[in-house]
PDB file of all heavy atoms in Angstrom:
ATOM      1  N   GLY A   1      21.637   5.749  24.568  1.00  0.00           N
ATOM      2  CA  GLY A   1      21.618   7.109  25.010  1.00  0.00           C
ATOM      3  C   GLY A   1      20.583   7.267  26.130  1.00  0.00           C
ATOM      4  O   GLY A   1      20.005   6.287  26.659  1.00  0.00           O
ATOM      5  N   ASP A   2      20.333   8.539  26.459  1.00  0.00           N
ATOM      6  CA  ASP A   2      19.468   8.925  27.612  1.00  0.00           C
ATOM      7  C   ASP A   2      18.502   9.878  27.121  1.00  0.00           C
ATOM      8  O   ASP A   2      18.875  10.934  26.523  1.00  0.00           O
ATOM      9  CB  ASP A   2      20.353   9.473  28.741  1.00  0.00           C
ATOM     10  CG  ASP A   2      19.507   9.842  29.946  1.00  0.00           C
ATOM     11  OD1 ASP A   2      18.238   9.807  29.860  1.00  0.00           O
ATOM     12  OD2 ASP A   2      20.135  10.038  31.019  1.00  0.00           O
ATOM     13  N   CYS A   3      17.143   9.674  27.267  1.00  0.00           N
ATOM     14  CA  CYS A   3      16.158  10.585  26.817  1.00  0.00           C
ATOM     15  C   CYS A   3      16.240  11.994  27.375  1.00  0.00           C
ATOM     16  O   CYS A   3      15.757  13.017  26.923  1.00  0.00           O
ATOM     17  CB  CYS A   3      14.767  10.050  27.105  1.00  0.00           C
ATOM     18  SG  CYS A   3      14.294   8.773  25.915  1.00  0.00           S
ATOM     19  N   ALA A   4      16.903  12.062  28.658  1.00  0.00           N
ATOM     20  CA  ALA A   4      17.142  13.390  29.226  1.00  0.00           C
ATOM     21  C   ALA A   4      18.082  14.197  28.506  1.00  0.00           C
ATOM     22  O   ALA A   4      18.061  15.431  28.494  1.00  0.00           O
ATOM     23  CB  ALA A   4      17.714  13.217  30.680  1.00  0.00           C
ATOM     24  N   LEU A   5      18.946  13.602  27.640  1.00  0.00           N
ATOM     25  CA  LEU A   5      19.917  14.326  26.844  1.00  0.00           C
ATOM     26  C   LEU A   5      19.698  14.049  25.343  1.00  0.00           C
ATOM     27  O   LEU A   5      19.170  14.910  24.597  1.00  0.00           O
ATOM     28  CB  LEU A   5      21.353  13.917  27.250  1.00  0.00           C
ATOM     29  CG  LEU A   5      21.796  14.110  28.600  1.00  0.00           C
ATOM     30  CD1 LEU A   5      23.079  13.580  28.972  1.00  0.00           C
ATOM     31  CD2 LEU A   5      21.706  15.707  28.881  1.00  0.00           C
ATOM     32  N   ALA A   6      20.000  12.946  24.876  1.00  0.00           N
ATOM     33  CA  ALA A   6      19.745  12.535  23.508  1.00  0.00           C
ATOM     34  C   ALA A   6      19.815  11.022  23.388  1.00  0.00           C
ATOM     35  O   ALA A   6      20.440  10.374  24.252  1.00  0.00           O
ATOM     36  CB  ALA A   6      20.848  13.228  22.616  1.00  0.00           C
ATOM     37  N   GLY A   7      19.248  10.471  22.320  1.00  0.00           N
ATOM     38  CA  GLY A   7      19.363   9.029  22.155  1.00  0.00           C
ATOM     39  C   GLY A   7      18.902   8.673  20.764  1.00  0.00           C
ATOM     40  O   GLY A   7      18.331   9.451  20.027  1.00  0.00           O
ATOM     41  N   PHE A   8      18.996   7.353  20.555  1.00  0.00           N
ATOM     42  CA  PHE A   8      18.564   6.764  19.238  1.00  0.00           C
ATOM     43  C   PHE A   8      17.843   5.485  19.591  1.00  0.00           C
ATOM     44  O   PHE A   8      18.013   4.900  20.599  1.00  0.00           O
ATOM     45  CB  PHE A   8      19.835   6.399  18.349  1.00  0.00           C
ATOM     46  CG  PHE A   8      20.541   7.630  17.936  1.00  0.00           C
ATOM     47  CD1 PHE A   8      21.663   8.009  18.606  1.00  0.00           C
ATOM     48  CD2 PHE A   8      20.189   8.362  16.783  1.00  0.00           C
ATOM     49  CE1 PHE A   8      22.474   9.085  18.253  1.00  0.00           C
ATOM     50  CE2 PHE A   8      20.950   9.412  16.287  1.00  0.00           C
ATOM     51  CZ  PHE A   8      22.039   9.843  16.994  1.00  0.00           C
ATOM     52  N   THR A   9      16.843   5.181  18.709  1.00  0.00           N
ATOM     53  CA  THR A   9      16.130   3.989  18.816  1.00  0.00           C
ATOM     54  C   THR A   9      16.148   3.222  17.523  1.00  0.00           C
ATOM     55  O   THR A   9      16.114   3.787  16.480  1.00  0.00           O
ATOM     56  CB  THR A   9      14.659   4.292  19.178  1.00  0.00           C
ATOM     57  OG1 THR A   9      14.529   5.059  20.408  1.00  0.00           O
ATOM     58  CG2 THR A   9      13.896   3.037  19.464  1.00  0.00           C
ATOM     59  N   TYR A  10      16.207   1.840  17.644  1.00  0.00           N
ATOM     60  CA  TYR A  10      16.370   1.019  16.530  1.00  0.00           C
ATOM     61  C   TYR A  10      15.100   0.215  16.316  1.00  0.00           C
ATOM     62  O   TYR A  10      14.531  -0.347  17.316  1.00  0.00           O
ATOM     63  CB  TYR A  10      17.532   0.057  16.745  1.00  0.00           C
ATOM     64  CG  TYR A  10      18.765   0.720  17.259  1.00  0.00           C
ATOM     65  CD1 TYR A  10      19.194   0.525  18.570  1.00  0.00           C
ATOM     66  CD2 TYR A  10      19.419   1.786  16.564  1.00  0.00           C
ATOM     67  CE1 TYR A  10      20.288   1.185  19.100  1.00  0.00           C
ATOM     68  CE2 TYR A  10      20.490   2.488  17.069  1.00  0.00           C
ATOM     69  CZ  TYR A  10      20.930   2.193  18.350  1.00  0.00           C
ATOM     70  OH  TYR A  10      21.930   2.866  18.860  1.00  0.00           O
ATOM     71  N   ILE A  11      14.560   0.160  15.083  1.00  0.00           N
ATOM     72  CA  ILE A  11      13.231  -0.303  14.748  1.00  0.00           C
ATOM     73  C   ILE A  11      13.275  -1.556  13.858  1.00  0.00           C
ATOM     74  O   ILE A  11      13.925  -1.428  12.739  1.00  0.00           O
ATOM     75  CB  ILE A  11      12.398   0.819  14.181  1.00  0.00           C
ATOM     76  CG1 ILE A  11      12.413   1.997  15.066  1.00  0.00           C
ATOM     77  CG2 ILE A  11      10.965   0.313  13.926  1.00  0.00           C
ATOM     78  CD1 ILE A  11      11.840   1.861  16.468  1.00  0.00           C
ATOM     79  N   GLN A  12      12.631  -2.565  14.106  1.00  0.00           N
ATOM     80  CA  GLN A  12      12.449  -3.678  13.182  1.00  0.00           C
ATOM     81  C   GLN A  12      11.346  -3.334  12.205  1.00  0.00           C
ATOM     82  O   GLN A  12      10.190  -3.124  12.556  1.00  0.00           O
ATOM     83  CB  GLN A  12      12.126  -4.999  13.970  1.00  0.00           C
ATOM     84  CG  GLN A  12      11.731  -6.137  13.050  1.00  0.00           C
ATOM     85  CD  GLN A  12      12.962  -6.669  12.296  1.00  0.00           C
ATOM     86  OE1 GLN A  12      13.967  -7.102  12.923  1.00  0.00           O
ATOM     87  NE2 GLN A  12      12.840  -6.691  10.951  1.00  0.00           N
ATOM     88  N   PRO A  13      11.754  -3.213  10.894  1.00  0.00           N
ATOM     89  CA  PRO A  13      10.717  -2.790   9.874  1.00  0.00           C
ATOM     90  C   PRO A  13       9.521  -3.754   9.818  1.00  0.00           C
ATOM     91  O   PRO A  13       9.636  -4.975  10.014  1.00  0.00           O
ATOM     92  CB  PRO A  13      11.492  -2.824   8.599  1.00  0.00           C
ATOM     93  CG  PRO A  13      12.905  -2.578   8.954  1.00  0.00           C
ATOM     94  CD  PRO A  13      13.042  -3.283  10.252  1.00  0.00           C
ATOM     95  N   ILE A  14       8.321  -3.229   9.709  1.00  0.00           N
ATOM     96  CA  ILE A  14       7.103  -3.965   9.813  1.00  0.00           C
ATOM     97  C   ILE A  14       6.909  -4.945   8.628  1.00  0.00           C
ATOM     98  O   ILE A  14       6.380  -5.983   8.758  1.00  0.00           O
ATOM     99  CB  ILE A  14       5.867  -3.051   9.949  1.00  0.00           C
ATOM    100  CG1 ILE A  14       4.686  -3.862  10.299  1.00  0.00           C
ATOM    101  CG2 ILE A  14       5.679  -2.207   8.709  1.00  0.00           C
ATOM    102  CD1 ILE A  14       3.476  -3.024  10.682  1.00  0.00           C
ATOM    103  N   ARG A  15       7.383  -4.543   7.458  1.00  0.00           N
ATOM    104  CA  ARG A  15       7.080  -5.323   6.228  1.00  0.00           C
ATOM    105  C   ARG A  15       7.699  -6.741   6.378  1.00  0.00           C
ATOM    106  O   ARG A  15       7.150  -7.754   5.872  1.00  0.00           O
ATOM    107  CB  ARG A  15       7.563  -4.646   4.954  1.00  0.00           C
ATOM    108  CG  ARG A  15       6.798  -3.394   4.632  1.00  0.00           C
ATOM    109  CD  ARG A  15       7.327  -2.698   3.463  1.00  0.00           C
ATOM    110  NE  ARG A  15       6.568  -1.497   3.111  1.00  0.00           N
ATOM    111  CZ  ARG A  15       6.855  -0.704   2.037  1.00  0.00           C
ATOM    112  NH1 ARG A  15       7.783  -1.095   1.228  1.00  0.00           N
ATOM    113  NH2 ARG A  15       6.171   0.363   1.811  1.00  0.00           N
ATOM    114  N   GLU A  16       8.865  -6.797   6.987  1.00  0.00           N
ATOM    115  CA  GLU A  16       9.606  -8.028   7.122  1.00  0.00           C
ATOM    116  C   GLU A  16       8.803  -8.908   8.034  1.00  0.00           C
ATOM    117  O   GLU A  16       8.758 -10.124   7.869  1.00  0.00           O
ATOM    118  CB  GLU A  16      10.992  -7.802   7.625  1.00  0.00           C
ATOM    119  CG  GLU A  16      12.006  -7.387   6.630  1.00  0.00           C
ATOM    120  CD  GLU A  16      11.969  -5.854   6.315  1.00  0.00           C
ATOM    121  OE1 GLU A  16      10.965  -5.215   6.809  1.00  0.00           O
ATOM    122  OE2 GLU A  16      12.887  -5.339   5.740  1.00  0.00           O
ATOM    123  N   ILE A  17       8.261  -8.349   9.104  1.00  0.00           N
ATOM    124  CA  ILE A  17       7.464  -9.140  10.027  1.00  0.00           C
ATOM    125  C   ILE A  17       6.212  -9.779   9.398  1.00  0.00           C
ATOM    126  O   ILE A  17       5.875 -10.934   9.571  1.00  0.00           O
ATOM    127  CB  ILE A  17       7.090  -8.368  11.281  1.00  0.00           C
ATOM    128  CG1 ILE A  17       8.266  -7.563  11.807  1.00  0.00           C
ATOM    129  CG2 ILE A  17       6.462  -9.160  12.312  1.00  0.00           C
ATOM    130  CD1 ILE A  17       7.878  -6.516  12.943  1.00  0.00           C
ATOM    131  N   LEU A  18       5.460  -8.876   8.690  1.00  0.00           N
ATOM    132  CA  LEU A  18       4.256  -9.417   7.981  1.00  0.00           C
ATOM    133  C   LEU A  18       4.543 -10.467   7.054  1.00  0.00           C
ATOM    134  O   LEU A  18       3.819 -11.468   7.013  1.00  0.00           O
ATOM    135  CB  LEU A  18       3.524  -8.257   7.363  1.00  0.00           C
ATOM    136  CG  LEU A  18       3.049  -7.059   8.265  1.00  0.00           C
ATOM    137  CD1 LEU A  18       2.413  -5.898   7.433  1.00  0.00           C
ATOM    138  CD2 LEU A  18       2.112  -7.487   9.347  1.00  0.00           C
ATOM    139  N   SER A  19       5.667 -10.294   6.332  1.00  0.00           N
ATOM    140  CA  SER A  19       5.970 -11.280   5.251  1.00  0.00           C
ATOM    141  C   SER A  19       6.412 -12.634   5.874  1.00  0.00           C
ATOM    142  O   SER A  19       6.026 -13.709   5.510  1.00  0.00           O
ATOM    143  CB  SER A  19       7.112 -10.708   4.424  1.00  0.00           C
ATOM    144  OG  SER A  19       7.521 -11.695   3.489  1.00  0.00           O
ATOM    145  N   ALA A  20       7.173 -12.559   7.014  1.00  0.00           N
ATOM    146  CA  ALA A  20       7.812 -13.705   7.621  1.00  0.00           C
ATOM    147  C   ALA A  20       6.737 -14.599   8.161  1.00  0.00           C
ATOM    148  O   ALA A  20       6.844 -15.855   8.019  1.00  0.00           O
ATOM    149  CB  ALA A  20       8.863 -13.266   8.674  1.00  0.00           C
ATOM    150  N   TYR A  21       5.662 -14.034   8.715  1.00  0.00           N
ATOM    151  CA  TYR A  21       4.636 -14.875   9.307  1.00  0.00           C
ATOM    152  C   TYR A  21       3.322 -14.961   8.605  1.00  0.00           C
ATOM    153  O   TYR A  21       2.352 -15.390   9.118  1.00  0.00           O
ATOM    154  CB  TYR A  21       4.503 -14.317  10.799  1.00  0.00           C
ATOM    155  CG  TYR A  21       5.667 -14.458  11.688  1.00  0.00           C
ATOM    156  CD1 TYR A  21       5.986 -13.449  12.623  1.00  0.00           C
ATOM    157  CD2 TYR A  21       6.586 -15.533  11.560  1.00  0.00           C
ATOM    158  CE1 TYR A  21       7.072 -13.473  13.466  1.00  0.00           C
ATOM    159  CE2 TYR A  21       7.690 -15.598  12.436  1.00  0.00           C
ATOM    160  CZ  TYR A  21       7.945 -14.564  13.265  1.00  0.00           C
ATOM    161  OH  TYR A  21       9.110 -14.626  14.123  1.00  0.00           O
ATOM    162  N   ASP A  22       3.295 -14.300   7.379  1.00  0.00           N
ATOM    163  CA  ASP A  22       2.079 -14.267   6.602  1.00  0.00           C
ATOM    164  C   ASP A  22       0.937 -13.578   7.425  1.00  0.00           C
ATOM    165  O   ASP A  22      -0.175 -14.143   7.510  1.00  0.00           O
ATOM    166  CB  ASP A  22       1.664 -15.703   6.212  1.00  0.00           C
ATOM    167  CG  ASP A  22       0.585 -15.647   5.015  1.00  0.00           C
ATOM    168  OD1 ASP A  22       0.527 -14.627   4.363  1.00  0.00           O
ATOM    169  OD2 ASP A  22      -0.102 -16.673   4.893  1.00  0.00           O
ATOM    170  N   LEU A  23       1.207 -12.388   7.963  1.00  0.00           N
ATOM    171  CA  LEU A  23       0.280 -11.686   8.737  1.00  0.00           C
ATOM    172  C   LEU A  23      -0.319 -10.514   7.937  1.00  0.00           C
ATOM    173  O   LEU A  23       0.265 -10.070   6.996  1.00  0.00           O
ATOM    174  CB  LEU A  23       0.955 -11.121  10.002  1.00  0.00           C
ATOM    175  CG  LEU A  23       1.576 -12.166  10.945  1.00  0.00           C
ATOM    176  CD1 LEU A  23       2.501 -11.395  12.000  1.00  0.00           C
ATOM    177  CD2 LEU A  23       0.563 -13.048  11.585  1.00  0.00           C
ATOM    178  N   THR A  24      -1.439 -10.046   8.410  1.00  0.00           N
ATOM    179  CA  THR A  24      -2.086  -8.895   7.814  1.00  0.00           C
ATOM    180  C   THR A  24      -2.255  -7.816   8.790  1.00  0.00           C
ATOM    181  O   THR A  24      -2.813  -8.071   9.866  1.00  0.00           O
ATOM    182  CB  THR A  24      -3.514  -9.200   7.256  1.00  0.00           C
ATOM    183  OG1 THR A  24      -3.422 -10.301   6.200  1.00  0.00           O
ATOM    184  CG2 THR A  24      -4.179  -8.029   6.595  1.00  0.00           C
ATOM    185  N   LEU A  25      -1.744  -6.635   8.509  1.00  0.00           N
ATOM    186  CA  LEU A  25      -1.828  -5.525   9.470  1.00  0.00           C
ATOM    187  C   LEU A  25      -3.277  -4.999   9.540  1.00  0.00           C
ATOM    188  O   LEU A  25      -3.954  -4.827   8.464  1.00  0.00           O
ATOM    189  CB  LEU A  25      -0.906  -4.351   8.935  1.00  0.00           C
ATOM    190  CG  LEU A  25      -1.000  -3.050   9.755  1.00  0.00           C
ATOM    191  CD1 LEU A  25      -0.357  -3.270  11.101  1.00  0.00           C
ATOM    192  CD2 LEU A  25      -0.289  -1.986   8.972  1.00  0.00           C
ATOM    193  N   MET A  26      -3.790  -4.874  10.730  1.00  0.00           N
ATOM    194  CA  MET A  26      -5.133  -4.286  10.882  1.00  0.00           C
ATOM    195  C   MET A  26      -5.071  -2.699  10.645  1.00  0.00           C
ATOM    196  O   MET A  26      -4.247  -2.151  11.206  1.00  0.00           O
ATOM    197  CB  MET A  26      -5.703  -4.515  12.284  1.00  0.00           C
ATOM    198  CG  MET A  26      -5.995  -5.971  12.499  1.00  0.00           C
ATOM    199  SD  MET A  26      -6.691  -6.336  14.193  1.00  0.00           S
ATOM    200  CE  MET A  26      -8.296  -5.517  14.028  1.00  0.00           C
ATOM    201  N   VAL A  27      -5.895  -2.238   9.810  1.00  0.00           N
ATOM    202  CA  VAL A  27      -5.821  -0.768   9.422  1.00  0.00           C
ATOM    203  C   VAL A  27      -7.266  -0.187   9.613  1.00  0.00           C
ATOM    204  O   VAL A  27      -8.242  -0.850   9.382  1.00  0.00           O
ATOM    205  CB  VAL A  27      -5.352  -0.520   8.027  1.00  0.00           C
ATOM    206  CG1 VAL A  27      -3.897  -0.883   7.902  1.00  0.00           C
ATOM    207  CG2 VAL A  27      -6.170  -1.228   6.942  1.00  0.00           C
ATOM    208  N   ASN A  28      -7.256   1.094  10.007  1.00  0.00           N
ATOM    209  CA  ASN A  28      -8.513   1.851  10.219  1.00  0.00           C
ATOM    210  C   ASN A  28      -9.470   1.040  10.985  1.00  0.00           C
ATOM    211  O   ASN A  28      -9.214   0.026  11.575  1.00  0.00           O
ATOM    212  CB  ASN A  28      -9.043   2.505   9.052  1.00  0.00           C
ATOM    213  CG  ASN A  28      -9.557   1.635   7.923  1.00  0.00           C
ATOM    214  OD1 ASN A  28     -10.416   0.852   8.159  1.00  0.00           O
ATOM    215  ND2 ASN A  28      -8.832   1.706   6.819  1.00  0.00           N
ATOM    216  N   ASP A  29     -10.763   1.688  11.032  1.00  0.00           N
ATOM    217  CA  ASP A  29     -11.719   0.938  11.804  1.00  0.00           C
ATOM    218  C   ASP A  29     -13.051   0.768  11.011  1.00  0.00           C
ATOM    219  O   ASP A  29     -14.174   0.889  11.531  1.00  0.00           O
ATOM    220  CB  ASP A  29     -12.105   1.718  13.072  1.00  0.00           C
ATOM    221  CG  ASP A  29     -12.513   3.119  12.810  1.00  0.00           C
ATOM    222  OD1 ASP A  29     -12.417   3.656  11.556  1.00  0.00           O
ATOM    223  OD2 ASP A  29     -12.853   3.911  13.754  1.00  0.00           O
ATOM    224  N   VAL A  30     -12.878   0.558   9.738  1.00  0.00           N
ATOM    225  CA  VAL A  30     -13.962   0.402   8.858  1.00  0.00           C
ATOM    226  C   VAL A  30     -14.016  -1.043   8.309  1.00  0.00           C
ATOM    227  O   VAL A  30     -13.004  -1.566   7.841  1.00  0.00           O
ATOM    228  CB  VAL A  30     -13.833   1.421   7.633  1.00  0.00           C
ATOM    229  CG1 VAL A  30     -15.095   1.244   6.678  1.00  0.00           C
ATOM    230  CG2 VAL A  30     -13.791   2.818   8.264  1.00  0.00           C
ATOM    231  N   GLU A  31     -15.208  -1.629   8.277  1.00  0.00           N
ATOM    232  CA  GLU A  31     -15.295  -2.996   7.814  1.00  0.00           C
ATOM    233  C   GLU A  31     -15.503  -2.953   6.313  1.00  0.00           C
ATOM    234  O   GLU A  31     -16.548  -2.379   5.830  1.00  0.00           O
ATOM    235  CB  GLU A  31     -16.543  -3.674   8.467  1.00  0.00           C
ATOM    236  CG  GLU A  31     -16.595  -5.156   8.126  1.00  0.00           C
ATOM    237  CD  GLU A  31     -15.571  -6.039   8.699  1.00  0.00           C
ATOM    238  OE1 GLU A  31     -14.914  -5.606   9.695  1.00  0.00           O
ATOM    239  OE2 GLU A  31     -15.327  -7.041   8.029  1.00  0.00           O
ATOM    240  N   PRO A  32     -14.580  -3.472   5.520  1.00  0.00           N
ATOM    241  CA  PRO A  32     -14.711  -3.424   4.086  1.00  0.00           C
ATOM    242  C   PRO A  32     -15.633  -4.499   3.601  1.00  0.00           C
ATOM    243  O   PRO A  32     -15.914  -5.521   4.174  1.00  0.00           O
ATOM    244  CB  PRO A  32     -13.257  -3.660   3.572  1.00  0.00           C
ATOM    245  CG  PRO A  32     -12.699  -4.640   4.651  1.00  0.00           C
ATOM    246  CD  PRO A  32     -13.315  -4.132   5.962  1.00  0.00           C
ATOM    247  N   ILE A  33     -16.148  -4.253   2.359  1.00  0.00           N
ATOM    248  CA  ILE A  33     -16.973  -5.237   1.596  1.00  0.00           C
ATOM    249  C   ILE A  33     -16.302  -5.455   0.252  1.00  0.00           C
ATOM    250  O   ILE A  33     -15.757  -4.467  -0.316  1.00  0.00           O
ATOM    251  CB  ILE A  33     -18.434  -4.897   1.491  1.00  0.00           C
ATOM    252  CG1 ILE A  33     -18.604  -3.565   0.758  1.00  0.00           C
ATOM    253  CG2 ILE A  33     -19.045  -4.795   2.820  1.00  0.00           C
ATOM    254  CD1 ILE A  33     -20.057  -3.252   0.520  1.00  0.00           C
ATOM    255  N   ALA A  34     -16.381  -6.590  -0.339  1.00  0.00           N
ATOM    256  CA  ALA A  34     -15.793  -6.828  -1.618  1.00  0.00           C
ATOM    257  C   ALA A  34     -16.781  -6.410  -2.730  1.00  0.00           C
ATOM    258  O   ALA A  34     -17.925  -6.625  -2.596  1.00  0.00           O
ATOM    259  CB  ALA A  34     -15.417  -8.265  -1.766  1.00  0.00           C
ATOM    260  N   THR A  35     -16.255  -5.919  -3.816  1.00  0.00           N
ATOM    261  CA  THR A  35     -17.049  -5.544  -4.979  1.00  0.00           C
ATOM    262  C   THR A  35     -17.056  -6.697  -5.972  1.00  0.00           C
ATOM    263  O   THR A  35     -16.528  -7.732  -5.706  1.00  0.00           O
ATOM    264  CB  THR A  35     -16.579  -4.221  -5.594  1.00  0.00           C
ATOM    265  OG1 THR A  35     -15.422  -4.554  -6.266  1.00  0.00           O
ATOM    266  CG2 THR A  35     -16.382  -3.095  -4.551  1.00  0.00           C
ATOM    267  N   ALA A  36     -17.704  -6.418  -7.086  1.00  0.00           N
ATOM    268  CA  ALA A  36     -17.739  -7.535  -8.129  1.00  0.00           C
ATOM    269  C   ALA A  36     -16.374  -7.757  -8.721  1.00  0.00           C
ATOM    270  O   ALA A  36     -16.205  -8.654  -9.563  1.00  0.00           O
ATOM    271  CB  ALA A  36     -18.706  -7.095  -9.194  1.00  0.00           C
ATOM    272  N   GLY A  37     -15.305  -6.935  -8.463  1.00  0.00           N
ATOM    273  CA  GLY A  37     -13.995  -7.218  -8.955  1.00  0.00           C
ATOM    274  C   GLY A  37     -13.480  -6.226 -10.035  1.00  0.00           C
ATOM    275  O   GLY A  37     -12.445  -6.365 -10.645  1.00  0.00           O
ATOM    276  N   THR A  38     -14.311  -5.173 -10.270  1.00  0.00           N
ATOM    277  CA  THR A  38     -13.935  -4.086 -11.234  1.00  0.00           C
ATOM    278  C   THR A  38     -14.266  -2.771 -10.728  1.00  0.00           C
ATOM    279  O   THR A  38     -15.071  -2.679  -9.722  1.00  0.00           O
ATOM    280  CB  THR A  38     -14.538  -4.369 -12.616  1.00  0.00           C
ATOM    281  OG1 THR A  38     -15.908  -3.967 -12.478  1.00  0.00           O
ATOM    282  CG2 THR A  38     -14.423  -5.754 -13.062  1.00  0.00           C
ATOM    283  N   CYS A  39     -13.929  -1.701 -11.403  1.00  0.00           N
ATOM    284  CA  CYS A  39     -14.241  -0.315 -10.985  1.00  0.00           C
ATOM    285  C   CYS A  39     -15.793  -0.015 -11.189  1.00  0.00           C
ATOM    286  O   CYS A  39     -16.210   1.019 -10.731  1.00  0.00           O
ATOM    287  CB  CYS A  39     -13.476   0.679 -11.742  1.00  0.00           C
ATOM    288  SG  CYS A  39     -11.671   0.619 -11.311  1.00  0.00           S
ATOM    289  N   GLN A  40     -16.456  -0.971 -11.876  1.00  0.00           N
ATOM    290  CA  GLN A  40     -17.858  -0.738 -12.232  1.00  0.00           C
ATOM    291  C   GLN A  40     -18.778  -0.663 -11.004  1.00  0.00           C
ATOM    292  O   GLN A  40     -19.900  -0.184 -11.073  1.00  0.00           O
ATOM    293  CB  GLN A  40     -18.342  -1.811 -13.114  1.00  0.00           C
ATOM    294  CG  GLN A  40     -17.629  -1.894 -14.446  1.00  0.00           C
ATOM    295  CD  GLN A  40     -17.759  -0.662 -15.299  1.00  0.00           C
ATOM    296  OE1 GLN A  40     -18.785   0.036 -15.233  1.00  0.00           O
ATOM    297  NE2 GLN A  40     -16.696  -0.267 -16.029  1.00  0.00           N
ATOM    298  N   ALA A  41     -18.217  -1.054  -9.854  1.00  0.00           N
ATOM    299  CA  ALA A  41     -19.107  -1.057  -8.603  1.00  0.00           C
ATOM    300  C   ALA A  41     -19.042   0.331  -7.973  1.00  0.00           C
ATOM    301  O   ALA A  41     -19.814   0.589  -7.030  1.00  0.00           O
ATOM    302  CB  ALA A  41     -18.577  -2.077  -7.536  1.00  0.00           C
ATOM    303  N   TYR A  42     -18.223   1.196  -8.381  1.00  0.00           N
ATOM    304  CA  TYR A  42     -18.159   2.616  -7.813  1.00  0.00           C
ATOM    305  C   TYR A  42     -19.294   3.419  -8.330  1.00  0.00           C
ATOM    306  O   TYR A  42     -19.788   3.180  -9.465  1.00  0.00           O
ATOM    307  CB  TYR A  42     -16.829   3.187  -8.090  1.00  0.00           C
ATOM    308  CG  TYR A  42     -15.639   2.640  -7.370  1.00  0.00           C
ATOM    309  CD1 TYR A  42     -15.204   1.407  -7.590  1.00  0.00           C
ATOM    310  CD2 TYR A  42     -15.152   3.415  -6.313  1.00  0.00           C
ATOM    311  CE1 TYR A  42     -14.120   0.875  -6.787  1.00  0.00           C
ATOM    312  CE2 TYR A  42     -14.005   2.893  -5.475  1.00  0.00           C
ATOM    313  CZ  TYR A  42     -13.564   1.653  -5.816  1.00  0.00           C
ATOM    314  OH  TYR A  42     -12.568   1.146  -5.066  1.00  0.00           O
ATOM    315  N   ARG A  43     -19.640   4.463  -7.525  1.00  0.00           N
ATOM    316  CA  ARG A  43     -20.810   5.288  -7.892  1.00  0.00           C
ATOM    317  C   ARG A  43     -20.675   6.032  -9.247  1.00  0.00           C
ATOM    318  O   ARG A  43     -21.553   6.103  -9.914  1.00  0.00           O
ATOM    319  CB  ARG A  43     -21.103   6.193  -6.762  1.00  0.00           C
ATOM    320  CG  ARG A  43     -22.349   7.098  -6.986  1.00  0.00           C
ATOM    321  CD  ARG A  43     -22.550   7.990  -5.704  1.00  0.00           C
ATOM    322  NE  ARG A  43     -23.796   8.846  -6.008  1.00  0.00           N
ATOM    323  CZ  ARG A  43     -23.805   9.958  -6.539  1.00  0.00           C
ATOM    324  NH1 ARG A  43     -22.675  10.511  -7.066  1.00  0.00           N
ATOM    325  NH2 ARG A  43     -24.920  10.630  -6.690  1.00  0.00           N
ATOM    326  N   THR A  44     -19.515   6.584  -9.415  1.00  0.00           N
ATOM    327  CA  THR A  44     -19.186   7.387 -10.584  1.00  0.00           C
ATOM    328  C   THR A  44     -18.226   6.666 -11.465  1.00  0.00           C
ATOM    329  O   THR A  44     -17.122   6.310 -10.958  1.00  0.00           O
ATOM    330  CB  THR A  44     -18.675   8.840 -10.226  1.00  0.00           C
ATOM    331  OG1 THR A  44     -19.614   9.428  -9.408  1.00  0.00           O
ATOM    332  CG2 THR A  44     -18.434   9.653 -11.481  1.00  0.00           C
ATOM    333  N   ILE A  45     -18.520   6.421 -12.770  1.00  0.00           N
ATOM    334  CA  ILE A  45     -17.670   5.800 -13.623  1.00  0.00           C
ATOM    335  C   ILE A  45     -17.375   6.739 -14.858  1.00  0.00           C
ATOM    336  O   ILE A  45     -18.259   7.184 -15.370  1.00  0.00           O
ATOM    337  CB  ILE A  45     -18.300   4.495 -14.189  1.00  0.00           C
ATOM    338  CG1 ILE A  45     -18.657   3.561 -13.032  1.00  0.00           C
ATOM    339  CG2 ILE A  45     -17.458   3.752 -15.263  1.00  0.00           C
ATOM    340  CD1 ILE A  45     -17.525   3.020 -12.292  1.00  0.00           C
TER     341      ILE A  45
END
């Protein structure tokens, strides 16, 4: 189609891409740190 009138776009789903190449999507802009492995590391329990 034509954006001046109407059109459709076809999208390759992201999950298939990440899985096929063993990739990790970059999300937000915060650097995470690992906890001890349980909820006990959170401030309120």
